[in-house]
Amino acid sequence: MTKLVCFLKKILRYVEIVIVGLLCILLTVNIFKGVNKSLLVVLVYSLFYAASLVTIYFLREKFFDGNVVKRFIFILSVSVFIRFLAVYFLGLTPQGDYAIYLSVARKIKNGNLDNKLYFGIFPHALNYPIFISLFYRLLGERTWLPRIINLIFGTFEAAFGTYIMEKCTNPRIGMIGGLAIALNPSIITFTLLSGGEPIYASIIITAVFFLTVGFNSKKQHFWIVAAGITCAVANFFRPTGIILIIASILVIFLYSKVKITIKIKQSLLLVFSFAVIVWATGFVTSSVSGYTKPSYSFGWNLFIGANEQTQGRWNEKDAELFDEVKNNLGDPSEIQKHFFKLGVERYKNMGMRVIPHFRKKLGVWFDESYVSRVITEWQTQYTRFKSGDLQQTYSLIINLYNILIMSGAIAALLFLSLEEKPPLILKIISFYMIGSIMLFMVIETAARYKGAYYSVLTILAVYGYCKTGGFIKKRLSRNNQ
């Protein structure tokens, strides 16, 4: 009898284990039913970020004692993986200008481009579609093409950022800088958009990378020419690549310790290589549009930038005036010249109000509403992850990240302006950002235009926090003595 009871108890225990095990499995399968998508996105992103930092910590000896290639490959891998997840799960329907760019690319590929006068007035609006149309000819009109191209460019953007930061500071800060670019949520979001901003940002970082290599190489002239050419290619996508050329020349003459003859030679190489490629790419654009680049090419942008009511942003009232002037004049140069004069007149009439106007326009550098709206409103019906309920959560993530980036960048600009012997490359980057910010104070501004500057700002931010930490440690050690 006792043996039978023991046997039944064992059977009951095994049955219990099986039932409990099955129940636990079924419960675990449904665990995400109680987790909303907002929390899930935050959790996955945070875990990935933490895992990257933990990997760096535990492998720090192998990373920091080895050559730069190991660090380069690690950041490249992180960047590829996180962007692949974004591209795979977040399919967006291009809207606004991004939808127009792809439509124009198809027309160029098929040889039936219309509205050529508009592209004669704004030739830079044609350049990204020309670029995409080349891939359409080679691979067909694939919807995923722009995102894959952005993914490839973006991964090298993070890796080159690692190298730049390392040469300006040390391997540890270099990896942090590269990781900050690789995991910047706003940069990742722009991977999904069919526009020139992410490509421009990547090419600008490549140009800075060439300058970094050049300043530390015996074959300086080769790398400087490469930097000039790369700046010109970036200028093809956004007309502000020339600011990096100007910043580089200023730093070469004001801060470089080489002989004046070498400074002149480096500057001439930069300008010449830049000018030749700009001319060549300008010829490509004009051959497609049928118009040469207009004089006063920033006329319309100046006019919009001087609008007090809209804080320098595009608006329907000015757009109606543009259509009227375009139909009356019919010549790109005359149209741009007309709006240039109107823009100058607006600023003259503004008087001292120009100061608060500029102050308000600077607020765009802290505005991430555009990136948030893109993720939460532009979902395709075939996307693998609906994120319509993510607006508040995603907005909090990107705004927090952006505030940290902008705060660090401001600190970097201050430190770099006070240092007597700043790293030349970071000084070039600081001049580039100062020039870009000042330009957007004057001309048209928009939150999406920041997509071209996130990586440069991130590099400055990491340096800013590095210098701030060093400054605090120094002050504390003095107080303890």
Protein backbone atom coordinates (compact mmCIF):
# COMPACT_ATOMS: atom_id res chain seq x y z
CA MET A 1 0.00 0.00 0.00
CA THR A 2 2.81 2.34 0.96
CA LYS A 3 4.64 1.60 -2.33
CA LEU A 4 1.47 2.35 -4.32
CA VAL A 5 1.05 5.71 -2.56
CA CYS A 6 4.70 6.64 -3.29
CA PHE A 7 4.29 5.65 -6.92
CA LEU A 8 1.11 7.73 -7.29
CA LYS A 9 2.86 10.71 -5.67
CA LYS A 10 5.70 10.45 -8.18
CA ILE A 11 3.26 10.22 -11.07
CA LEU A 12 1.33 13.21 -9.72
CA ARG A 13 4.57 15.20 -9.34
CA TYR A 14 5.61 14.46 -12.93
CA VAL A 15 2.14 15.40 -14.17
CA GLU A 16 2.35 18.60 -12.15
CA ILE A 17 5.76 19.44 -13.63
CA VAL A 18 4.48 18.80 -17.17
CA ILE A 19 1.32 20.87 -16.65
CA VAL A 20 3.17 23.74 -14.95
CA GLY A 21 5.86 23.64 -17.66
CA LEU A 22 3.26 23.81 -20.44
CA LEU A 23 1.37 26.60 -18.68
CA CYS A 24 4.59 28.58 -18.19
CA ILE A 25 5.47 28.16 -21.86
CA LEU A 26 2.00 29.34 -22.91
CA LEU A 27 2.22 32.30 -20.53
CA THR A 28 5.68 33.22 -21.78
CA VAL A 29 4.50 33.15 -25.40
CA ASN A 30 1.88 35.76 -24.46
CA ILE A 31 4.18 37.86 -22.33
CA PHE A 32 4.35 40.67 -24.91
CA LYS A 33 0.57 41.02 -24.86
CA GLY A 34 0.98 43.07 -21.71
CA VAL A 35 3.81 45.18 -23.14
CA ASN A 36 2.77 48.08 -25.37
CA LYS A 37 4.77 48.82 -28.50
CA SER A 38 6.16 52.04 -27.09
CA LEU A 39 7.76 50.24 -24.17
CA LEU A 40 8.96 47.43 -26.44
CA VAL A 41 10.80 49.84 -28.76
CA VAL A 42 12.41 51.63 -25.83
CA LEU A 43 13.40 48.29 -24.29
CA VAL A 44 14.94 46.85 -27.49
CA TYR A 45 16.81 50.06 -28.29
CA SER A 46 18.06 50.43 -24.71
CA LEU A 47 19.19 46.80 -24.53
CA PHE A 48 21.03 47.11 -27.82
CA TYR A 49 22.72 50.30 -26.65
CA ALA A 50 23.63 48.70 -23.31
CA ALA A 51 24.91 45.54 -25.01
CA SER A 52 27.19 47.62 -27.23
CA LEU A 53 28.62 49.45 -24.21
CA VAL A 54 29.04 46.22 -22.22
CA THR A 55 30.84 44.61 -25.18
CA ILE A 56 33.25 47.54 -25.33
CA TYR A 57 33.82 47.34 -21.56
CA PHE A 58 34.62 43.61 -21.42
CA LEU A 59 36.72 43.65 -24.58
CA ARG A 60 38.36 46.99 -23.81
CA GLU A 61 41.88 45.55 -23.66
CA LYS A 62 41.54 43.90 -27.08
CA PHE A 63 39.90 46.99 -28.54
CA PHE A 64 42.12 49.70 -27.08
CA ASP A 65 45.45 47.85 -27.21
CA GLY A 66 44.93 46.68 -30.79
CA ASN A 67 45.03 48.72 -33.97
CA VAL A 68 42.24 50.97 -35.17
CA VAL A 69 40.90 48.32 -37.59
CA LYS A 70 39.31 46.33 -34.70
CA ARG A 71 37.49 49.37 -33.41
CA PHE A 72 36.53 50.33 -36.95
CA ILE A 73 34.99 46.90 -37.63
CA PHE A 74 33.10 46.80 -34.31
CA ILE A 75 31.43 50.18 -34.88
CA LEU A 76 30.72 49.19 -38.49
CA SER A 77 28.97 46.03 -37.25
CA VAL A 78 26.87 47.87 -34.67
CA SER A 79 25.90 50.48 -37.24
CA VAL A 80 24.91 47.89 -39.87
CA PHE A 81 22.85 45.82 -37.42
CA ILE A 82 20.78 48.66 -35.93
CA ARG A 83 20.12 50.20 -39.35
CA PHE A 84 19.16 46.85 -40.81
CA LEU A 85 16.55 46.42 -38.05
CA ALA A 86 15.16 49.89 -38.80
CA VAL A 87 15.05 49.27 -42.56
CA TYR A 88 13.46 45.84 -42.09
CA PHE A 89 10.78 46.75 -39.54
CA LEU A 90 9.95 50.37 -40.39
CA GLY A 91 8.75 50.72 -43.94
CA LEU A 92 7.77 54.34 -44.62
CA THR A 93 5.67 55.83 -47.40
CA PRO A 94 7.71 58.76 -48.81
CA GLN A 95 5.75 61.99 -48.53
CA GLY A 96 6.34 65.64 -49.40
CA ASP A 97 9.66 66.34 -51.12
CA TYR A 98 10.81 62.76 -50.58
CA ALA A 99 7.96 61.42 -52.70
CA ILE A 100 8.71 64.03 -55.36
CA TYR A 101 12.41 63.05 -55.47
CA LEU A 102 11.59 59.42 -56.28
CA SER A 103 8.98 60.44 -58.85
CA VAL A 104 11.51 62.72 -60.56
CA ALA A 105 14.12 59.92 -60.47
CA ARG A 106 11.70 57.66 -62.39
CA LYS A 107 11.06 60.40 -64.96
CA ILE A 108 14.80 60.96 -65.47
CA LYS A 109 15.32 57.23 -65.89
CA ASN A 110 12.50 57.08 -68.47
CA GLY A 111 13.69 60.27 -70.23
CA ASN A 112 10.45 62.24 -69.72
CA LEU A 113 11.36 64.87 -67.10
CA ASP A 114 8.84 67.73 -66.97
CA ASN A 115 8.70 71.02 -65.01
CA LYS A 116 12.28 71.78 -66.08
CA LEU A 117 11.98 75.49 -65.27
CA TYR A 118 11.50 74.63 -61.59
CA PHE A 119 14.68 72.56 -61.58
CA GLY A 120 16.45 75.33 -63.45
CA ILE A 121 15.59 77.63 -60.52
CA PHE A 122 16.48 75.00 -57.89
CA PRO A 123 19.13 72.74 -59.49
CA HIS A 124 19.99 71.06 -56.17
CA ALA A 125 16.47 69.65 -56.02
CA LEU A 126 17.37 67.64 -59.12
CA ASN A 127 20.67 66.15 -57.96
CA TYR A 128 19.43 63.44 -55.60
CA PRO A 129 16.91 62.18 -58.20
CA ILE A 130 19.74 62.05 -60.78
CA PHE A 131 21.76 59.93 -58.36
CA ILE A 132 18.87 57.54 -57.65
CA SER A 133 17.97 57.30 -61.34
CA LEU A 134 21.39 55.74 -62.00
CA PHE A 135 20.51 52.87 -59.65
CA TYR A 136 17.04 52.59 -61.19
CA ARG A 137 18.71 52.04 -64.57
CA LEU A 138 21.04 49.40 -63.15
CA LEU A 139 18.73 47.54 -60.74
CA GLY A 140 15.22 48.61 -61.62
CA GLU A 141 12.77 50.74 -59.65
CA ARG A 142 13.10 48.96 -56.32
CA THR A 143 11.35 50.61 -53.37
CA TRP A 144 14.08 49.48 -50.98
CA LEU A 145 16.97 50.95 -52.99
CA PRO A 146 17.19 54.39 -51.26
CA ARG A 147 17.10 52.79 -47.81
CA ILE A 148 19.84 50.27 -48.63
CA ILE A 149 22.00 53.04 -50.13
CA ASN A 150 21.50 55.11 -46.97
CA LEU A 151 22.32 52.08 -44.83
CA ILE A 152 25.64 51.56 -46.64
CA PHE A 153 26.60 55.22 -46.46
CA GLY A 154 25.50 55.48 -42.82
CA THR A 155 27.62 52.58 -41.62
CA PHE A 156 30.80 54.16 -42.99
CA GLU A 157 29.71 57.45 -41.48
CA ALA A 158 29.88 55.89 -38.00
CA ALA A 159 33.14 54.05 -38.69
CA PHE A 160 34.87 57.14 -40.09
CA GLY A 161 33.57 59.11 -37.09
CA THR A 162 35.36 56.60 -34.86
CA TYR A 163 38.65 57.15 -36.68
CA ILE A 164 38.31 60.95 -36.62
CA MET A 165 37.58 61.09 -32.90
CA GLU A 166 40.38 58.65 -32.10
CA LYS A 167 42.99 60.67 -33.94
CA CYS A 168 41.81 63.85 -32.22
CA THR A 169 41.60 62.31 -28.71
CA ASN A 170 42.23 58.62 -27.91
CA PRO A 171 40.84 55.15 -28.77
CA ARG A 172 38.35 55.16 -25.89
CA ILE A 173 36.77 58.48 -26.87
CA GLY A 174 36.97 57.42 -30.51
CA MET A 175 34.78 54.38 -29.89
CA ILE A 176 32.32 56.37 -27.85
CA GLY A 177 32.09 58.93 -30.67
CA GLY A 178 31.54 56.24 -33.29
CA LEU A 179 28.95 54.48 -31.14
CA ALA A 180 27.12 57.77 -30.53
CA ILE A 181 26.80 58.23 -34.30
CA ALA A 182 25.89 54.59 -34.94
CA LEU A 183 23.09 54.67 -32.34
CA ASN A 184 21.82 58.22 -32.81
CA PRO A 185 18.05 57.62 -33.30
CA SER A 186 17.60 60.65 -35.55
CA ILE A 187 20.43 59.54 -37.86
CA ILE A 188 18.90 56.05 -37.98
CA THR A 189 15.52 57.54 -38.89
CA PHE A 190 17.03 59.44 -41.82
CA THR A 191 18.25 56.09 -43.17
CA LEU A 192 14.58 55.43 -44.01
CA LEU A 193 14.11 58.67 -45.99
CA SER A 194 14.66 59.11 -49.73
CA GLY A 195 16.58 62.38 -49.65
CA GLY A 196 20.04 63.83 -49.92
CA GLU A 197 20.56 64.62 -46.22
CA PRO A 198 21.89 61.24 -45.02
CA ILE A 199 24.14 60.83 -48.08
CA TYR A 200 25.45 64.37 -47.72
CA ALA A 201 26.19 63.81 -44.02
CA SER A 202 28.10 60.60 -44.76
CA ILE A 203 30.14 62.17 -47.57
CA ILE A 204 31.05 65.18 -45.41
CA ILE A 205 32.31 62.84 -42.69
CA THR A 206 34.29 61.01 -45.38
CA ALA A 207 35.88 64.32 -46.44
CA VAL A 208 36.83 65.03 -42.81
CA PHE A 209 38.22 61.49 -42.60
CA PHE A 210 40.45 62.17 -45.63
CA LEU A 211 41.68 65.40 -44.03
CA THR A 212 42.41 63.50 -40.80
CA VAL A 213 44.46 60.91 -42.68
CA GLY A 214 46.14 63.61 -44.76
CA PHE A 215 47.29 65.70 -41.82
CA ASN A 216 48.98 62.60 -40.37
CA SER A 217 50.40 61.19 -43.62
CA LYS A 218 53.53 61.69 -45.69
CA LYS A 219 51.31 61.77 -48.80
CA GLN A 220 49.37 64.80 -47.61
CA HIS A 221 48.63 66.17 -51.06
CA PHE A 222 46.87 62.99 -52.23
CA TRP A 223 44.52 62.96 -49.23
CA ILE A 224 43.84 66.69 -49.41
CA VAL A 225 42.85 66.38 -53.06
CA ALA A 226 40.60 63.45 -52.07
CA ALA A 227 39.01 65.67 -49.40
CA GLY A 228 38.38 68.44 -51.91
CA ILE A 229 36.79 66.04 -54.39
CA THR A 230 34.65 64.48 -51.65
CA CYS A 231 33.45 67.91 -50.48
CA ALA A 232 32.41 68.66 -54.05
CA VAL A 233 30.47 65.38 -54.25
CA ALA A 234 28.74 66.30 -50.98
CA ASN A 235 27.97 69.72 -52.44
CA PHE A 236 26.14 67.92 -55.24
CA PHE A 237 23.52 66.76 -52.70
CA ARG A 238 23.36 69.91 -50.57
CA PRO A 239 24.91 73.27 -51.50
CA THR A 240 26.79 73.72 -48.22
CA GLY A 241 29.81 71.50 -48.82
CA ILE A 242 31.75 74.65 -49.69
CA ILE A 243 31.52 75.70 -46.02
CA LEU A 244 33.81 72.79 -45.11
CA ILE A 245 36.32 73.98 -47.72
CA ILE A 246 36.27 77.50 -46.26
CA ALA A 247 36.58 76.12 -42.71
CA SER A 248 39.54 73.94 -43.73
CA ILE A 249 41.41 76.83 -45.37
CA LEU A 250 40.86 79.06 -42.33
CA VAL A 251 42.19 76.41 -39.96
CA ILE A 252 45.17 75.63 -42.21
CA PHE A 253 46.24 79.30 -42.23
CA LEU A 254 45.36 80.18 -38.63
CA TYR A 255 46.25 77.03 -36.66
CA SER A 256 48.49 74.74 -38.73
CA LYS A 257 52.20 74.84 -37.81
CA VAL A 258 53.55 74.02 -41.30
CA LYS A 259 55.39 76.49 -43.52
CA ILE A 260 53.41 79.17 -45.34
CA THR A 261 54.31 77.65 -48.71
CA ILE A 262 52.80 74.32 -47.64
CA LYS A 263 49.69 76.12 -46.34
CA ILE A 264 49.23 77.83 -49.69
CA LYS A 265 49.77 74.57 -51.59
CA GLN A 266 47.27 72.68 -49.39
CA SER A 267 44.66 75.41 -49.80
CA LEU A 268 45.10 75.59 -53.56
CA LEU A 269 44.78 71.81 -53.86
CA LEU A 270 41.56 71.88 -51.83
CA VAL A 271 40.04 74.73 -53.85
CA PHE A 272 41.13 73.41 -57.26
CA SER A 273 39.96 69.81 -56.69
CA PHE A 274 36.67 71.10 -55.24
CA ALA A 275 36.07 73.55 -58.11
CA VAL A 276 36.77 71.01 -60.87
CA ILE A 277 34.28 68.45 -59.51
CA VAL A 278 31.66 71.13 -58.75
CA TRP A 279 31.94 72.27 -62.37
CA ALA A 280 31.62 68.68 -63.61
CA THR A 281 28.60 67.88 -61.44
CA GLY A 282 27.03 71.22 -62.35
CA PHE A 283 27.36 70.25 -66.01
CA VAL A 284 25.55 66.97 -65.26
CA THR A 285 22.68 68.83 -63.57
CA SER A 286 22.32 71.41 -66.34
CA SER A 287 22.38 68.71 -69.02
CA VAL A 288 19.33 67.11 -67.37
CA SER A 289 17.40 70.32 -66.58
CA GLY A 290 18.40 72.24 -69.70
CA TYR A 291 19.37 75.32 -67.62
CA THR A 292 22.69 76.59 -66.31
CA LYS A 293 22.98 77.30 -62.59
CA PRO A 294 21.18 80.59 -61.85
CA SER A 295 22.99 83.60 -60.43
CA TYR A 296 21.88 84.68 -56.93
CA SER A 297 21.10 80.99 -56.43
CA PHE A 298 20.14 81.56 -52.77
CA GLY A 299 17.68 84.34 -53.60
CA TRP A 300 14.52 82.38 -52.83
CA ASN A 301 16.04 80.84 -49.68
CA LEU A 302 17.04 84.32 -48.46
CA PHE A 303 13.52 85.61 -49.09
CA ILE A 304 11.93 82.75 -47.14
CA GLY A 305 14.53 83.01 -44.37
CA ALA A 306 13.62 86.65 -43.85
CA ASN A 307 9.94 85.88 -43.15
CA GLU A 308 9.31 86.92 -39.52
CA GLN A 309 5.84 85.40 -39.25
CA THR A 310 6.97 81.89 -40.17
CA GLN A 311 10.41 82.14 -38.51
CA GLY A 312 12.13 81.61 -41.84
CA ARG A 313 10.19 78.50 -42.90
CA TRP A 314 8.39 77.67 -46.12
CA ASN A 315 4.80 78.98 -46.24
CA GLU A 316 1.91 78.99 -48.69
CA LYS A 317 1.68 82.79 -49.03
CA ASP A 318 5.28 83.10 -50.23
CA ALA A 319 4.80 80.01 -52.39
CA GLU A 320 1.88 81.70 -54.19
CA LEU A 321 4.09 84.73 -54.86
CA PHE A 322 6.79 82.40 -56.19
CA ASP A 323 4.37 80.84 -58.71
CA GLU A 324 3.30 84.30 -59.87
CA VAL A 325 6.89 85.55 -60.33
CA LYS A 326 7.95 82.27 -62.01
CA ASN A 327 5.17 82.54 -64.59
CA ASN A 328 5.89 86.23 -65.29
CA LEU A 329 9.70 86.11 -65.55
CA GLY A 330 10.33 82.58 -66.80
CA ASP A 331 14.12 82.79 -66.35
CA PRO A 332 15.85 81.05 -63.40
CA SER A 333 18.49 83.76 -62.87
CA GLU A 334 15.95 86.60 -63.05
CA ILE A 335 13.62 84.80 -60.64
CA GLN A 336 16.37 84.16 -58.08
CA LYS A 337 17.63 87.74 -58.45
CA HIS A 338 14.10 89.08 -57.90
CA PHE A 339 13.69 87.15 -54.64
CA PHE A 340 17.21 88.06 -53.54
CA LYS A 341 16.26 91.74 -53.71
CA LEU A 342 12.98 91.06 -51.87
CA GLY A 343 14.88 89.13 -49.18
CA VAL A 344 17.38 91.96 -48.65
CA GLU A 345 14.46 94.39 -48.45
CA ARG A 346 12.75 92.23 -45.81
CA TYR A 347 15.87 92.26 -43.65
CA LYS A 348 16.30 96.02 -44.09
CA ASN A 349 12.70 96.61 -42.98
CA MET A 350 13.23 94.34 -39.99
CA GLY A 351 15.82 96.64 -38.42
CA MET A 352 16.68 95.65 -34.86
CA ARG A 353 13.99 92.96 -34.94
CA VAL A 354 16.52 90.88 -36.83
CA ILE A 355 18.12 89.87 -33.49
CA PRO A 356 15.02 88.15 -32.04
CA HIS A 357 14.33 86.78 -35.53
CA PHE A 358 17.72 85.05 -35.61
CA ARG A 359 17.26 83.86 -32.03
CA LYS A 360 13.93 82.22 -32.87
CA LYS A 361 15.38 80.54 -35.97
CA LEU A 362 18.11 78.95 -33.85
CA GLY A 363 15.35 76.98 -32.10
CA VAL A 364 15.25 74.63 -35.11
CA TRP A 365 18.42 72.92 -33.83
CA PHE A 366 16.44 71.67 -30.82
CA ASP A 367 13.32 70.74 -32.80
CA GLU A 368 12.91 67.01 -33.46
CA SER A 369 9.18 67.12 -34.28
CA TYR A 370 9.82 66.32 -37.93
CA VAL A 371 11.71 63.11 -37.21
CA SER A 372 9.05 62.06 -34.70
CA ARG A 373 6.24 62.71 -37.18
CA VAL A 374 7.97 60.76 -39.94
CA ILE A 375 8.16 57.60 -37.81
CA THR A 376 4.64 57.83 -36.46
CA GLU A 377 2.71 58.98 -39.54
CA TRP A 378 4.50 57.66 -42.61
CA GLN A 379 4.02 53.94 -42.01
CA THR A 380 3.21 51.80 -45.03
CA GLN A 381 0.36 49.32 -44.91
CA TYR A 382 2.91 46.52 -45.44
CA THR A 383 5.27 47.51 -42.63
CA ARG A 384 6.26 44.78 -40.17
CA PHE A 385 5.85 47.06 -37.17
CA LYS A 386 3.05 49.57 -36.78
CA SER A 387 4.22 52.55 -34.76
CA GLY A 388 1.27 54.90 -34.86
CA ASP A 389 1.06 54.86 -31.06
CA LEU A 390 4.75 55.67 -30.60
CA GLN A 391 4.69 59.42 -31.11
CA GLN A 392 5.03 60.51 -27.49
CA THR A 393 7.56 57.82 -26.55
CA TYR A 394 9.67 58.16 -29.68
CA SER A 395 9.55 61.94 -29.38
CA LEU A 396 10.89 61.69 -25.83
CA ILE A 397 13.76 59.44 -26.97
CA ILE A 398 14.93 61.58 -29.86
CA ASN A 399 14.41 64.89 -28.06
CA LEU A 400 16.41 63.71 -25.05
CA TYR A 401 19.19 62.43 -27.30
CA ASN A 402 19.17 65.63 -29.35
CA ILE A 403 19.31 67.87 -26.26
CA LEU A 404 22.33 65.89 -25.03
CA ILE A 405 23.97 66.19 -28.45
CA MET A 406 23.32 69.92 -28.79
CA SER A 407 24.44 70.62 -25.21
CA GLY A 408 27.69 68.73 -25.78
CA ALA A 409 28.22 70.44 -29.14
CA ILE A 410 27.77 73.87 -27.55
CA ALA A 411 30.35 72.94 -24.90
CA ALA A 412 32.73 71.75 -27.65
CA LEU A 413 32.39 74.99 -29.61
CA LEU A 414 33.22 76.94 -26.45
CA PHE A 415 36.23 74.79 -25.53
CA LEU A 416 37.57 74.80 -29.10
CA SER A 417 37.29 78.59 -29.27
CA LEU A 418 39.25 78.97 -25.99
CA GLU A 419 41.99 76.37 -26.62
CA GLU A 420 45.27 77.78 -27.90
CA LYS A 421 46.27 74.50 -29.60
CA PRO A 422 43.02 72.72 -30.51
CA PRO A 423 43.02 69.53 -32.64
CA LEU A 424 43.05 70.81 -36.23
CA ILE A 425 40.31 68.48 -37.46
CA LEU A 426 37.92 69.34 -34.63
CA LYS A 427 38.65 73.01 -35.22
CA ILE A 428 37.66 72.53 -38.88
CA ILE A 429 34.45 70.80 -37.77
CA SER A 430 33.68 73.61 -35.32
CA PHE A 431 34.19 76.27 -38.04
CA TYR A 432 32.03 74.20 -40.40
CA MET A 433 29.19 74.07 -37.85
CA ILE A 434 29.54 77.75 -36.94
CA GLY A 435 29.32 78.66 -40.63
CA SER A 436 26.35 76.36 -41.20
CA ILE A 437 24.45 77.68 -38.18
CA MET A 438 25.08 81.27 -39.25
CA LEU A 439 23.94 80.49 -42.79
CA PHE A 440 20.67 78.99 -41.57
CA MET A 441 20.10 82.03 -39.37
CA VAL A 442 19.87 84.05 -42.60
CA ILE A 443 18.30 81.73 -45.20
CA GLU A 444 15.35 79.32 -45.16
CA THR A 445 15.35 76.86 -42.30
CA ALA A 446 13.51 73.62 -41.63
CA ALA A 447 13.77 70.83 -39.08
CA ARG A 448 14.55 68.23 -41.74
CA TYR A 449 17.62 70.16 -42.94
CA LYS A 450 19.31 69.12 -39.69
CA GLY A 451 19.57 65.62 -41.10
CA ALA A 452 22.71 66.78 -42.89
CA TYR A 453 24.46 67.76 -39.63
CA TYR A 454 23.61 65.14 -36.99
CA SER A 455 26.87 63.18 -37.31
CA VAL A 456 29.09 66.29 -37.18
CA LEU A 457 27.17 67.57 -34.16
CA THR A 458 27.54 64.16 -32.48
CA ILE A 459 31.32 64.25 -32.91
CA LEU A 460 31.42 67.72 -31.37
CA ALA A 461 29.15 66.60 -28.52
CA VAL A 462 31.39 63.70 -27.53
CA TYR A 463 34.40 66.01 -27.54
CA GLY A 464 32.44 68.58 -25.51
CA TYR A 465 31.61 66.06 -22.79
CA CYS A 466 35.19 64.76 -22.85
CA LYS A 467 36.57 68.25 -22.25
CA THR A 468 33.89 69.07 -19.67
CA GLY A 469 34.75 65.92 -17.71
CA GLY A 470 38.45 66.77 -17.83
CA PHE A 471 37.77 70.32 -16.70
CA ILE A 472 35.67 69.16 -13.73
CA LYS A 473 38.34 66.62 -12.67
CA LYS A 474 41.02 69.28 -12.84
CA ARG A 475 38.98 71.70 -10.72
CA LEU A 476 38.20 69.00 -8.15
CA SER A 477 41.88 67.97 -7.86
CA ARG A 478 42.86 71.59 -7.29
CA ASN A 479 40.27 71.98 -4.55
CA ASN A 480 41.48 68.80 -2.83
CA GLN A 481 45.10 69.95 -2.72
